[in-house]
Protein backbone atom coordinates (compact mmCIF):
# COMPACT_ATOMS: atom_id res chain seq x y z
CA UNK A 1 11.48 28.73 -7.79
CA UNK A 2 10.89 25.03 -8.33
CA UNK A 3 14.49 23.81 -8.11
CA UNK A 4 15.26 23.07 -4.49
CA UNK A 5 15.68 19.99 -2.29
CA UNK A 6 12.99 18.79 0.03
CA UNK A 7 13.36 17.31 3.49
CA UNK A 8 10.35 15.19 4.32
CA UNK A 9 11.29 12.83 7.10
CA UNK A 10 14.13 13.03 9.58
CA UNK A 11 14.53 9.81 11.55
CA UNK A 12 16.72 11.57 14.10
CA UNK A 13 13.99 13.99 15.17
CA UNK A 14 12.97 13.92 18.82
CA UNK A 15 9.54 14.33 20.35
CA UNK A 16 8.69 17.73 21.83
CA UNK A 17 7.48 17.41 25.40
CA UNK A 18 4.88 20.07 24.67
CA UNK A 19 3.18 18.02 21.97
CA UNK A 20 0.16 15.94 22.89
CA UNK A 21 0.62 12.17 22.76
CA UNK A 22 -2.52 12.12 20.60
CA UNK A 23 -2.33 15.20 18.36
CA UNK A 24 -5.46 16.14 16.44
CA UNK A 25 -4.16 16.92 12.96
CA UNK A 26 -6.42 18.86 10.60
CA UNK A 27 -5.83 20.09 7.06
CA UNK A 28 -7.04 23.39 5.61
CA UNK A 29 -6.10 25.88 2.86
CA UNK A 30 -3.24 28.26 3.61
CA UNK A 31 -4.44 31.83 4.19
CA UNK A 32 -2.81 35.30 4.62
CA UNK A 33 -2.61 34.83 8.41
CA UNK A 34 -0.07 32.05 7.81
CA UNK A 35 2.48 34.31 6.12
CA UNK A 36 4.99 34.74 8.96
CA UNK A 37 4.84 31.10 10.05
CA UNK A 38 5.17 29.87 6.45
CA UNK A 39 8.28 31.98 5.90
CA UNK A 40 9.79 30.78 9.18
CA UNK A 41 9.33 27.08 8.41
CA UNK A 42 10.79 27.51 4.92
CA UNK A 43 13.87 29.17 6.44
CA UNK A 44 14.24 26.31 8.93
CA UNK A 45 13.80 23.48 6.41
CA UNK A 46 15.24 24.52 3.06
CA UNK A 47 18.85 25.50 2.31
CA UNK A 48 17.89 28.28 -0.12
CA UNK A 49 16.11 31.58 0.28
CA UNK A 50 12.68 32.22 -1.20
CA UNK A 51 11.64 35.68 -2.30
CA UNK A 52 8.77 37.44 -0.56
CA UNK A 53 6.77 37.33 -3.82
CA UNK A 54 6.65 33.54 -3.54
CA UNK A 55 5.07 33.63 -0.08
CA UNK A 56 2.63 36.37 -1.06
CA UNK A 57 1.48 34.28 -4.02
CA UNK A 58 0.97 31.22 -1.82
CA UNK A 59 -1.00 32.85 1.01
CA UNK A 60 -3.19 34.78 -1.45
CA UNK A 61 -3.70 31.86 -3.83
CA UNK A 62 -2.25 33.61 -6.88
CA UNK A 63 -1.74 30.84 -9.48
CA UNK A 64 -1.11 28.42 -6.60
CA UNK A 65 -2.94 25.91 -4.45
CA UNK A 66 -1.76 25.05 -0.96
CA UNK A 67 -2.73 23.21 2.21
CA UNK A 68 -1.70 23.58 5.83
CA UNK A 69 -1.54 20.98 8.59
CA UNK A 70 -2.46 22.20 12.09
CA UNK A 71 -2.74 20.50 15.47
CA UNK A 72 -6.07 21.32 17.12
CA UNK A 73 -4.93 19.74 20.39
CA UNK A 74 -2.38 22.50 21.02
CA UNK A 75 -3.18 25.46 23.29
CA UNK A 76 -5.67 27.94 21.83
CA UNK A 77 -3.06 30.43 20.66
CA UNK A 78 -1.30 27.68 18.66
CA UNK A 79 -4.19 25.42 17.61
CA UNK A 80 -4.35 26.96 14.13
CA UNK A 81 -0.60 27.42 13.67
CA UNK A 82 1.11 25.67 10.75
CA UNK A 83 3.03 22.51 11.57
CA UNK A 84 3.22 21.37 7.95
CA UNK A 85 2.41 22.58 4.45
CA UNK A 86 2.38 21.76 0.77
CA UNK A 87 2.44 24.39 -1.97
CA UNK A 88 1.81 23.80 -5.66
CA UNK A 89 1.10 25.65 -8.89
CA UNK A 90 -0.77 25.04 -12.13
CA UNK A 91 1.22 24.30 -15.29
CA UNK A 92 -0.13 23.89 -18.81
CA UNK A 93 0.50 20.28 -19.84
CA UNK A 94 1.80 21.30 -23.27
CA UNK A 95 4.36 23.63 -21.67
CA UNK A 96 5.57 21.20 -19.01
CA UNK A 97 8.71 19.07 -18.99
CA UNK A 98 6.58 15.91 -19.12
CA UNK A 99 4.42 16.85 -22.10
CA UNK A 100 5.85 13.85 -23.97
CA UNK A 101 4.41 11.51 -21.31
CA UNK A 102 0.85 12.83 -21.34
CA UNK A 103 -1.98 11.29 -23.33
CA UNK A 104 -3.95 14.31 -24.53
CA UNK A 105 -7.70 14.52 -24.94
CA UNK A 106 -8.38 17.24 -27.50
CA UNK A 107 -12.04 17.46 -26.46
CA UNK A 108 -11.04 18.87 -23.05
CA UNK A 109 -9.27 21.97 -24.37
CA UNK A 110 -6.28 23.30 -22.44
CA UNK A 111 -5.12 20.52 -20.15
CA UNK A 112 -3.15 21.24 -16.99
CA UNK A 113 -0.83 19.65 -14.47
CA UNK A 114 -0.15 20.47 -10.84
CA UNK A 115 3.49 20.88 -9.90
CA UNK A 116 4.37 20.54 -6.21
CA UNK A 117 6.66 23.39 -5.21
CA UNK A 118 7.42 22.81 -1.54
CA UNK A 119 6.46 20.28 1.09
CA UNK A 120 7.54 20.38 4.71
CA UNK A 121 6.69 19.29 8.25
CA UNK A 122 8.23 20.81 11.37
CA UNK A 123 10.74 18.51 13.01
CA UNK A 124 8.72 17.60 16.11
CA UNK A 125 5.74 16.41 14.03
CA UNK A 126 7.57 14.17 11.58
CA UNK A 127 6.97 10.42 11.23
CA UNK A 128 3.23 10.87 11.83
CA UNK A 129 1.99 10.49 8.25
CA UNK A 130 1.44 14.25 7.84
CA UNK A 131 3.51 14.56 4.65
CA UNK A 132 1.58 11.65 3.12
CA UNK A 133 -1.75 13.29 3.99
CA UNK A 134 -0.68 16.64 2.54
CA UNK A 135 0.29 15.01 -0.76
CA UNK A 136 -3.01 13.11 -0.70
CA UNK A 137 -4.86 16.43 -0.45
CA UNK A 138 -3.15 17.58 -3.64
CA UNK A 139 -3.98 14.33 -5.46
CA UNK A 140 -7.61 14.46 -4.33
CA UNK A 141 -7.93 18.06 -5.50
CA UNK A 142 -6.28 17.35 -8.87
CA UNK A 143 -8.43 14.26 -9.44
CA UNK A 144 -11.54 16.43 -9.19
CA UNK A 145 -10.42 18.65 -12.08
CA UNK A 146 -11.47 17.15 -15.41
CA UNK A 147 -8.73 19.04 -17.29
CA UNK A 148 -5.93 18.03 -14.92
CA UNK A 149 -3.74 15.19 -16.18
CA UNK A 150 -1.39 14.64 -13.27
CA UNK A 151 0.67 15.80 -10.31
CA UNK A 152 4.46 15.92 -10.57
CA UNK A 153 7.49 16.96 -8.55
CA UNK A 154 11.27 16.71 -8.22
CA UNK A 155 13.18 15.13 -5.37
CA UNK A 156 16.90 15.10 -4.72
CA UNK A 157 18.32 11.66 -5.56
CA UNK A 158 19.70 10.86 -2.09
CA UNK A 159 16.46 11.59 -0.21
CA UNK A 160 15.48 7.93 0.19
CA UNK A 161 12.73 8.64 2.73
CA UNK A 162 10.92 10.98 0.33
CA UNK A 163 11.37 8.56 -2.57
CA UNK A 164 9.78 5.76 -0.52
CA UNK A 165 6.92 8.07 0.39
CA UNK A 166 6.14 8.89 -3.24
CA UNK A 167 6.26 5.25 -4.26
CA UNK A 168 3.77 4.38 -1.53
CA UNK A 169 1.49 7.08 -2.90
CA UNK A 170 1.74 5.44 -6.37
CA UNK A 171 3.87 8.15 -7.98
CA UNK A 172 6.00 6.87 -10.86
CA UNK A 173 9.66 7.74 -11.28
CA UNK A 174 9.97 8.71 -14.94
CA UNK A 175 13.38 10.39 -15.21
CA UNK A 176 16.70 11.00 -13.52
CA UNK A 177 17.97 14.55 -14.05
CA UNK A 178 21.73 14.92 -13.68
CA UNK A 179 22.98 18.01 -11.84
CA UNK A 180 19.44 19.34 -11.43
CA UNK A 181 20.03 20.96 -8.03
CA UNK A 182 22.78 23.48 -7.28
CA UNK A 183 23.32 23.71 -3.52
CA UNK A 184 26.29 25.53 -2.04
CA UNK A 185 28.15 25.32 -5.35
CA UNK A 186 27.62 21.57 -5.65
CA UNK A 187 25.39 19.84 -8.18
CA UNK A 188 23.03 17.02 -7.19
CA UNK A 189 20.89 14.69 -9.29
CA UNK A 190 17.12 14.66 -9.00
CA UNK A 191 14.33 12.21 -9.78
CA UNK A 192 11.16 13.32 -11.54
CA UNK A 193 8.04 11.68 -10.10
CA UNK A 194 4.57 11.80 -11.67
CA UNK A 195 1.13 10.76 -10.44
CA UNK A 196 -1.00 10.29 -13.57
CA UNK A 197 -4.74 10.94 -13.32
CA UNK A 198 -7.80 11.10 -15.59
CA UNK A 199 -6.46 8.55 -18.07
CA UNK A 200 -3.12 10.23 -18.80
CA UNK A 201 -0.89 7.40 -17.60
CA UNK A 202 1.60 6.07 -20.12
CA UNK A 203 2.40 2.36 -20.47
CA UNK A 204 6.12 2.81 -19.72
CA UNK A 205 8.25 5.77 -18.77
CA UNK A 206 11.54 6.43 -20.62
CA UNK A 207 13.44 5.58 -17.44
CA UNK A 208 11.64 2.25 -17.12
CA UNK A 209 12.25 1.42 -20.78
CA UNK A 210 15.94 2.27 -20.45
CA UNK A 211 16.29 0.18 -17.29
CA UNK A 212 14.59 -2.77 -18.97
CA UNK A 213 16.87 -2.55 -22.02
CA UNK A 214 20.00 -2.44 -19.85
CA UNK A 215 18.87 -5.41 -17.77
CA UNK A 216 17.87 -7.28 -20.90
CA UNK A 217 21.28 -6.81 -22.46
CA UNK A 218 23.06 -7.84 -19.27
CA UNK A 219 21.02 -10.95 -18.63
CA UNK A 220 20.55 -12.13 -22.18
CA UNK A 221 17.44 -13.31 -23.92
CA UNK A 222 17.52 -16.76 -22.35
CA UNK A 223 17.85 -15.48 -18.80
CA UNK A 224 15.07 -12.91 -19.18
CA UNK A 225 12.73 -15.46 -20.72
CA UNK A 226 13.45 -17.84 -17.86
CA UNK A 227 12.65 -15.18 -15.26
CA UNK A 228 9.41 -14.25 -16.98
CA UNK A 229 8.38 -17.89 -17.23
CA UNK A 230 8.87 -18.57 -13.55
CA UNK A 231 6.88 -15.70 -12.08
CA UNK A 232 3.17 -15.43 -11.48
CA UNK A 233 2.26 -11.80 -10.87
CA UNK A 234 -0.63 -10.66 -8.70
CA UNK A 235 -1.39 -7.03 -9.54
CA UNK A 236 -3.59 -5.58 -6.81
CA UNK A 237 -6.04 -2.73 -7.27
CA UNK A 238 -6.91 -1.27 -3.86
CA UNK A 239 -10.17 0.54 -3.16
CA UNK A 240 -10.12 2.45 0.14
CA UNK A 241 -13.83 2.85 0.86
CA UNK A 242 -14.35 5.50 3.52
CA UNK A 243 -11.86 7.38 5.66
CA UNK A 244 -8.63 5.69 6.76
CA UNK A 245 -5.78 6.98 8.87
CA UNK A 246 -2.37 7.51 7.22
CA UNK A 247 -0.99 4.73 9.44
CA UNK A 248 -3.57 2.25 8.15
CA UNK A 249 -2.76 3.03 4.51
CA UNK A 250 0.98 2.98 5.09
CA UNK A 251 0.78 -0.28 7.05
CA UNK A 252 -1.07 -2.08 4.25
CA UNK A 253 1.35 -0.87 1.56
CA UNK A 254 4.38 -1.80 3.69
CA UNK A 255 3.01 -5.30 4.27
CA UNK A 256 2.38 -5.87 0.55
CA UNK A 257 5.91 -4.67 -0.29
CA UNK A 258 7.29 -7.04 2.35
CA UNK A 259 5.79 -10.16 0.72
CA UNK A 260 8.58 -10.36 -1.85
CA UNK A 261 11.32 -8.76 0.24
CA UNK A 262 14.00 -11.46 0.11
CA UNK A 263 17.09 -9.34 0.76
CA UNK A 264 19.73 -10.96 2.95
CA UNK A 265 19.91 -7.89 5.12
CA UNK A 266 17.20 -7.42 7.70
CA UNK A 267 15.96 -9.45 10.61
CA UNK A 268 14.46 -12.93 10.58
CA UNK A 269 11.91 -14.37 10.35
CA UNK A 270 10.68 -12.40 7.36
CA UNK A 271 7.19 -11.90 5.97
CA UNK A 272 8.57 -13.26 2.68
CA UNK A 273 9.26 -16.65 4.33
CA UNK A 274 5.54 -16.88 5.13
CA UNK A 275 4.70 -15.98 1.53
CA UNK A 276 6.99 -18.73 0.23
CA UNK A 277 4.76 -21.25 1.99
CA UNK A 278 1.87 -19.77 0.00
CA UNK A 279 3.91 -20.13 -3.19
CA UNK A 280 4.72 -23.75 -2.35
CA UNK A 281 1.05 -24.65 -2.80
CA UNK A 282 1.60 -24.52 -6.54
CA UNK A 283 3.86 -27.56 -6.21
CA UNK A 284 0.72 -29.51 -5.32
CA UNK A 285 -0.73 -28.96 -8.78
CA UNK A 286 -0.08 -30.64 -12.09
CA UNK A 287 1.51 -27.56 -13.63
CA UNK A 288 2.44 -26.83 -17.21
CA UNK A 289 5.74 -28.11 -18.54
CA UNK A 290 7.15 -24.60 -18.38
CA UNK A 291 7.36 -24.98 -14.60
CA UNK A 292 9.17 -28.34 -14.64
CA UNK A 293 12.93 -28.64 -14.38
CA UNK A 294 14.18 -30.41 -17.49
CA UNK A 295 16.88 -32.52 -15.82
CA UNK A 296 14.94 -33.85 -12.85
CA UNK A 297 11.42 -33.33 -14.24
CA UNK A 298 10.66 -31.95 -10.77
CA UNK A 299 7.81 -29.51 -10.37
CA UNK A 300 9.05 -26.05 -9.41
CA UNK A 301 6.64 -23.53 -7.95
CA UNK A 302 6.86 -20.14 -9.68
CA UNK A 303 7.33 -17.05 -7.57
CA UNK A 304 4.16 -15.06 -6.94
CA UNK A 305 5.09 -11.41 -7.30
CA UNK A 306 2.60 -9.12 -5.57
CA UNK A 307 2.43 -5.40 -6.20
CA UNK A 308 -0.09 -2.57 -6.01
CA UNK A 309 -0.79 -1.09 -9.44
CA UNK A 310 -3.73 1.12 -8.48
CA UNK A 311 -4.92 2.73 -5.25
CA UNK A 312 -8.29 4.51 -5.32
CA UNK A 313 -9.91 6.38 -2.42
CA UNK A 314 -13.65 6.98 -1.99
CA UNK A 315 -13.93 8.94 1.24
CA UNK A 316 -17.50 10.05 0.45
CA UNK A 317 -18.67 6.41 0.25
CA UNK A 318 -20.62 6.62 -2.99
CA UNK A 319 -22.65 3.48 -2.29
CA UNK A 320 -23.49 4.28 1.31
CA UNK A 321 -22.34 3.09 4.71
CA UNK A 322 -24.50 -0.05 4.84
CA UNK A 323 -23.25 -2.74 2.48
CA UNK A 324 -25.48 -5.27 0.77
CA UNK A 325 -24.64 -7.93 -1.78
CA UNK A 326 -25.74 -5.51 -4.51
CA UNK A 327 -23.60 -2.51 -3.65
CA UNK A 328 -20.82 -4.84 -2.50
CA UNK A 329 -20.43 -6.02 -6.10
CA UNK A 330 -20.41 -2.38 -7.23
CA UNK A 331 -17.43 -1.80 -4.95
CA UNK A 332 -15.62 -4.68 -6.64
CA UNK A 333 -16.42 -3.16 -10.04
CA UNK A 334 -15.04 0.18 -8.85
CA UNK A 335 -11.85 -1.48 -7.63
CA UNK A 336 -11.37 -3.16 -11.01
CA UNK A 337 -12.01 0.01 -13.01
CA UNK A 338 -10.86 -0.49 -16.59
CA UNK A 339 -8.04 -2.88 -15.65
CA UNK A 340 -8.76 -6.39 -16.86
CA UNK A 341 -6.19 -8.52 -15.04
CA UNK A 342 -5.99 -6.99 -11.58
CA UNK A 343 -7.06 -8.58 -8.32
CA UNK A 344 -9.54 -6.15 -6.72
CA UNK A 345 -9.04 -5.56 -2.99
CA UNK A 346 -11.79 -3.60 -1.22
CA UNK A 347 -10.88 -2.19 2.19
CA UNK A 348 -13.78 -0.93 4.29
CA UNK A 349 -13.29 1.86 6.82
CA UNK A 350 -14.61 2.10 10.36
CA UNK A 351 -17.66 4.05 9.12
CA UNK A 352 -18.93 1.13 7.00
CA UNK A 353 -21.19 -1.65 8.27
CA UNK A 354 -20.68 -4.91 6.40
CA UNK A 355 -23.04 -7.36 8.12
CA UNK A 356 -25.15 -7.29 4.97
CA UNK A 357 -22.41 -9.03 3.00
CA UNK A 358 -21.75 -11.69 5.62
CA UNK A 359 -19.08 -10.21 7.88
CA UNK A 360 -19.03 -11.17 11.57
CA UNK A 361 -20.72 -14.46 10.76
CA UNK A 362 -17.64 -16.61 11.18
CA UNK A 363 -15.56 -14.59 8.73
CA UNK A 364 -13.51 -11.40 8.96
CA UNK A 365 -12.66 -11.08 5.27
CA UNK A 366 -14.18 -12.18 1.99
CA UNK A 367 -12.26 -14.10 -0.63
CA UNK A 368 -15.01 -14.85 -3.12
CA UNK A 369 -16.30 -14.55 -6.67
CA UNK A 370 -18.40 -11.65 -7.96
CA UNK A 371 -20.35 -11.39 -11.19
CA UNK A 372 -19.15 -8.23 -12.91
CA UNK A 373 -21.31 -6.44 -15.45
CA UNK A 374 -20.02 -6.89 -18.98
CA UNK A 375 -17.72 -9.81 -18.13
CA UNK A 376 -18.46 -13.45 -18.91
CA UNK A 377 -16.52 -14.99 -16.05
CA UNK A 378 -16.98 -14.01 -12.40
CA UNK A 379 -14.02 -12.23 -10.79
CA UNK A 380 -12.34 -13.26 -7.59
CA UNK A 381 -11.85 -10.46 -5.09
CA UNK A 382 -10.80 -9.73 -1.51
CA UNK A 383 -12.88 -7.59 0.82
CA UNK A 384 -11.72 -6.66 4.32
CA UNK A 385 -13.65 -4.69 6.92
CA UNK A 386 -12.12 -2.60 9.70
CA UNK A 387 -11.57 -5.19 12.45
CA UNK A 388 -11.25 -2.57 15.18
CA UNK A 389 -14.93 -1.64 14.77
CA UNK A 390 -16.51 -4.51 12.84
CA UNK A 391 -16.79 -7.40 15.35
CA UNK A 392 -13.41 -6.71 17.04
CA UNK A 393 -13.85 -9.61 19.47
CA UNK A 394 -13.79 -11.97 16.51
CA UNK A 395 -11.53 -10.17 14.04
CA UNK A 396 -9.11 -7.99 16.02
CA UNK A 397 -7.79 -10.58 18.50
CA UNK A 398 -5.14 -10.59 19.98
CA UNK A 399 -5.29 -6.77 19.98
CA UNK A 400 -8.84 -6.90 21.37
CA UNK A 401 -10.46 -9.19 23.93
CA UNK A 402 -11.99 -12.27 22.29
CA UNK A 403 -15.79 -12.49 22.46
CA UNK A 404 -15.90 -16.30 22.25
CA UNK A 405 -13.98 -19.08 23.94
CA UNK A 406 -11.00 -18.43 26.21
CA UNK A 407 -10.27 -14.72 26.15
CA UNK A 408 -6.54 -15.07 26.61
CA UNK A 409 -4.02 -12.27 26.74
CA UNK A 410 -4.27 -9.15 24.57
CA UNK A 411 -1.31 -7.31 23.05
CA UNK A 412 -0.40 -3.89 21.74
CA UNK A 413 -0.16 -3.52 17.94
CA UNK A 414 3.32 -2.89 16.56
CA UNK A 415 2.15 0.18 14.59
CA UNK A 416 0.36 1.70 17.57
CA UNK A 417 -3.07 1.37 15.88
CA UNK A 418 -5.32 -1.64 16.39
CA UNK A 419 -7.17 -0.87 13.16
CA UNK A 420 -3.93 -0.90 11.15
CA UNK A 421 -2.39 -4.14 12.45
CA UNK A 422 -5.67 -6.06 12.61
CA UNK A 423 -6.35 -4.95 9.03
CA UNK A 424 -3.02 -6.48 7.96
CA UNK A 425 -3.90 -9.80 9.62
CA UNK A 426 -7.18 -10.06 7.72
CA UNK A 427 -5.65 -8.86 4.44
CA UNK A 428 -2.87 -11.45 4.80
CA UNK A 429 -5.49 -14.14 5.37
CA UNK A 430 -7.38 -13.10 2.25
CA UNK A 431 -4.26 -12.92 0.08
CA UNK A 432 -3.04 -16.36 1.16
CA UNK A 433 -6.45 -17.96 0.65
CA UNK A 434 -6.81 -16.32 -2.75
CA UNK A 435 -3.31 -17.13 -4.04
CA UNK A 436 -3.71 -20.83 -3.22
CA UNK A 437 -7.08 -21.10 -4.95
CA UNK A 438 -6.93 -22.78 -8.39
CA UNK A 439 -9.92 -20.78 -9.64
CA UNK A 440 -7.68 -17.72 -9.74
CA UNK A 441 -4.48 -19.34 -10.98
CA UNK A 442 -6.00 -21.84 -13.41
CA UNK A 443 -3.78 -20.51 -16.21
CA UNK A 444 -0.90 -22.39 -14.57
CA UNK A 445 -2.49 -25.79 -14.76
CA UNK A 446 -3.01 -28.42 -17.42
CA UNK A 447 -6.17 -29.75 -15.85
CA UNK A 448 -8.48 -29.28 -12.91
CA UNK A 449 -6.19 -31.25 -10.62
CA UNK A 450 -6.05 -29.46 -7.28
CA UNK A 451 -3.88 -29.66 -4.16
CA UNK A 452 -4.55 -32.85 -2.29
CA UNK A 453 -5.82 -33.24 1.21
CA UNK A 454 -3.66 -35.88 2.90
CA UNK A 455 -6.53 -36.88 5.17
CA UNK A 456 -8.46 -38.08 2.14
CA UNK A 457 -5.95 -39.29 -0.46
CA UNK A 458 -2.20 -39.59 -0.49
CA UNK A 459 -1.84 -39.72 -4.25
CA UNK A 460 -2.07 -36.12 -5.42
CA UNK A 461 -2.02 -37.10 -9.09
CA UNK A 462 -5.55 -38.43 -8.82
CA UNK A 463 -6.92 -36.31 -6.00
CA UNK A 464 -9.62 -33.73 -6.62
CA UNK A 465 -9.79 -32.57 -3.02
CA UNK A 466 -8.73 -29.01 -2.32
CA UNK A 467 -7.45 -27.62 0.97
CA UNK A 468 -9.86 -24.72 1.26
CA UNK A 469 -8.54 -21.41 2.61
CA UNK A 470 -5.29 -22.56 4.27
CA UNK A 471 -4.85 -19.29 6.20
CA UNK A 472 -8.42 -19.27 7.48
CA UNK A 473 -7.85 -22.86 8.59
CA UNK A 474 -5.21 -21.54 11.02
CA UNK A 475 -7.23 -18.63 12.40
CA UNK A 476 -5.93 -17.32 15.74
CA UNK A 477 -2.68 -19.25 15.44
CA UNK A 478 0.29 -16.87 15.36
CA UNK A 479 3.12 -18.98 16.73
CA UNK A 480 4.18 -22.47 17.70
CA UNK A 481 2.44 -24.01 20.69
CA UNK A 482 -0.78 -22.06 20.14
CA UNK A 483 -4.06 -23.20 21.67
CA UNK A 484 -7.47 -21.51 22.20
CA UNK A 485 -6.86 -18.25 24.00
CA UNK A 486 -3.08 -18.35 23.45
CA UNK A 487 -1.43 -16.90 20.33
CA UNK A 488 1.54 -19.21 20.47
CA UNK A 489 5.15 -18.09 20.53
CA UNK A 490 5.39 -14.46 19.42
CA UNK A 491 7.61 -11.53 20.36
CA UNK A 492 6.97 -8.19 22.01
CA UNK A 493 9.03 -5.12 21.14
CA UNK A 494 10.70 -3.99 24.40
CA UNK A 495 10.38 -0.31 23.43
CA UNK A 496 6.89 -0.01 21.92
CA UNK A 497 5.28 -3.07 23.50
CA UNK A 498 3.99 -4.09 20.06
CA UNK A 499 3.43 -7.79 19.31
CA UNK A 500 4.97 -9.32 16.18
CA UNK A 501 6.13 -12.58 14.64
CA UNK A 502 7.85 -11.43 11.43
CA UNK A 503 9.85 -8.61 9.86
CA UNK A 504 9.28 -6.70 6.64
CA UNK A 505 10.87 -3.87 4.70
CA UNK A 506 12.74 -1.17 6.62
CA UNK A 507 12.89 -3.48 9.69
CA UNK A 508 9.14 -3.08 10.23
CA UNK A 509 7.42 -5.61 12.50
CA UNK A 510 4.19 -7.44 11.65
CA UNK A 511 1.91 -9.96 13.30
CA UNK A 512 0.66 -12.25 10.53
CA UNK A 513 -1.51 -15.39 10.62
CA UNK A 514 -0.21 -18.92 10.25
CA UNK A 515 -0.95 -20.99 7.17
CA UNK A 516 -1.77 -24.67 6.78
CA UNK A 517 1.17 -26.65 5.44
CA UNK A 518 -0.07 -29.79 3.66
CA UNK A 519 3.41 -31.32 3.82
CA UNK A 520 3.49 -31.36 7.63
CA UNK A 521 -0.30 -31.39 8.09
CA UNK A 522 -0.01 -28.54 10.58
CA UNK A 523 -0.12 -24.76 10.78
CA UNK A 524 3.16 -23.25 9.61
CA UNK A 525 4.19 -20.39 11.87
CA UNK A 526 6.98 -17.82 11.44
CA UNK A 527 8.12 -18.56 15.01
């Protein structure tokens, strides 16, 4: 029953004229009234036939858990009709195919896993984040069970869209299973993905270990050591505080993945070109010998690899909707969790008011230090509020009319959501300001020498002046020729009308802030 391919996203799907431009998607448990519709969608999506016993078990909740997606904006006779679903079952951890990957806690008795059986969205509702939300419902449910150690599933190896979806949701690919699927007399490989919860995560999966060994043997000890020596990794731990739309979450993850996307294919300019300017700030420091080229003795800036290692959601807002300095630090502690070397990033939803921690007073994001209980040194963190609601005239321009100075022209966001694209602008500002701050990257430096400010001293070897927050310094500058009320040279997508100045993974378009370039003493812009 569990061995079948899944079709999650079909880029060739067309919009149905009968669907509202603004569908109201809701999620609820599947019930017996959904039986006929559930069977119909399975027949339409999957290339194999499911027995009636399977559907009876799902709609009656016999050893299964399941969720339905419905569109409340449809006419009354269809407002509760399934447009998407996810079905899953309980599996004893000791009897599962990933029992060797689970860290057991004998004090909790019989520990379980949740195995996702089927996931589908009708064709006319795809590319709306529904599949992501359905999987999130499963994860949220599993996380609330103290005896549950994870959620896992199989996906056919050529389903790249589904694989990307799982990676965005922080699933880990642990195995490749050869010939796992048999479809129309042909065998197809599958990947096994796992989302570890409640402390069950293993340090490395067998697949990751095998891949590392192969790469190590190919590259040689010297090459691997060189690569490790010339990379500075920024592991981000995201805390989503409150309720966010799937587009907002997906937009943030896509932007972070785009920072190190250097592939030759794709359109220019790239987000990664902007990030290389951030990396170049390390050339302004007196770095350790490990970052100097032996022949020329020239300082070489290490790459700053950014990745999300943890993503935690608190939709119930444990510390309330009004933030103060006290509960703001508790949010940072929550984002850190038990991970010692991560950079905590706190993202505040539209329901949260952050004036109590200084937002809307000349700043749209925080890049500061917080004293964490039990730790000697304060921890640097990033906190970003929802710019669409929290002082949009200051923080969501040019997607919202400016509340000060020349109002200028406003644009449509490339993603279709002001809250998503404005959130990326403020997150980008915080990341750039943080990555160029020597307090965070002091392990790279011999001394307290900091980047020089050319307006003060030209000899950086003796300068102690630091260019504070180089992205904040270029606020509201998005392209060349910018002036108050004018973004500068940017582009507008002729189809969606969305404004952008750079490209990321999967040809996605982003509008990102400029950054101060100390070499040219001006704001560096992608365009």
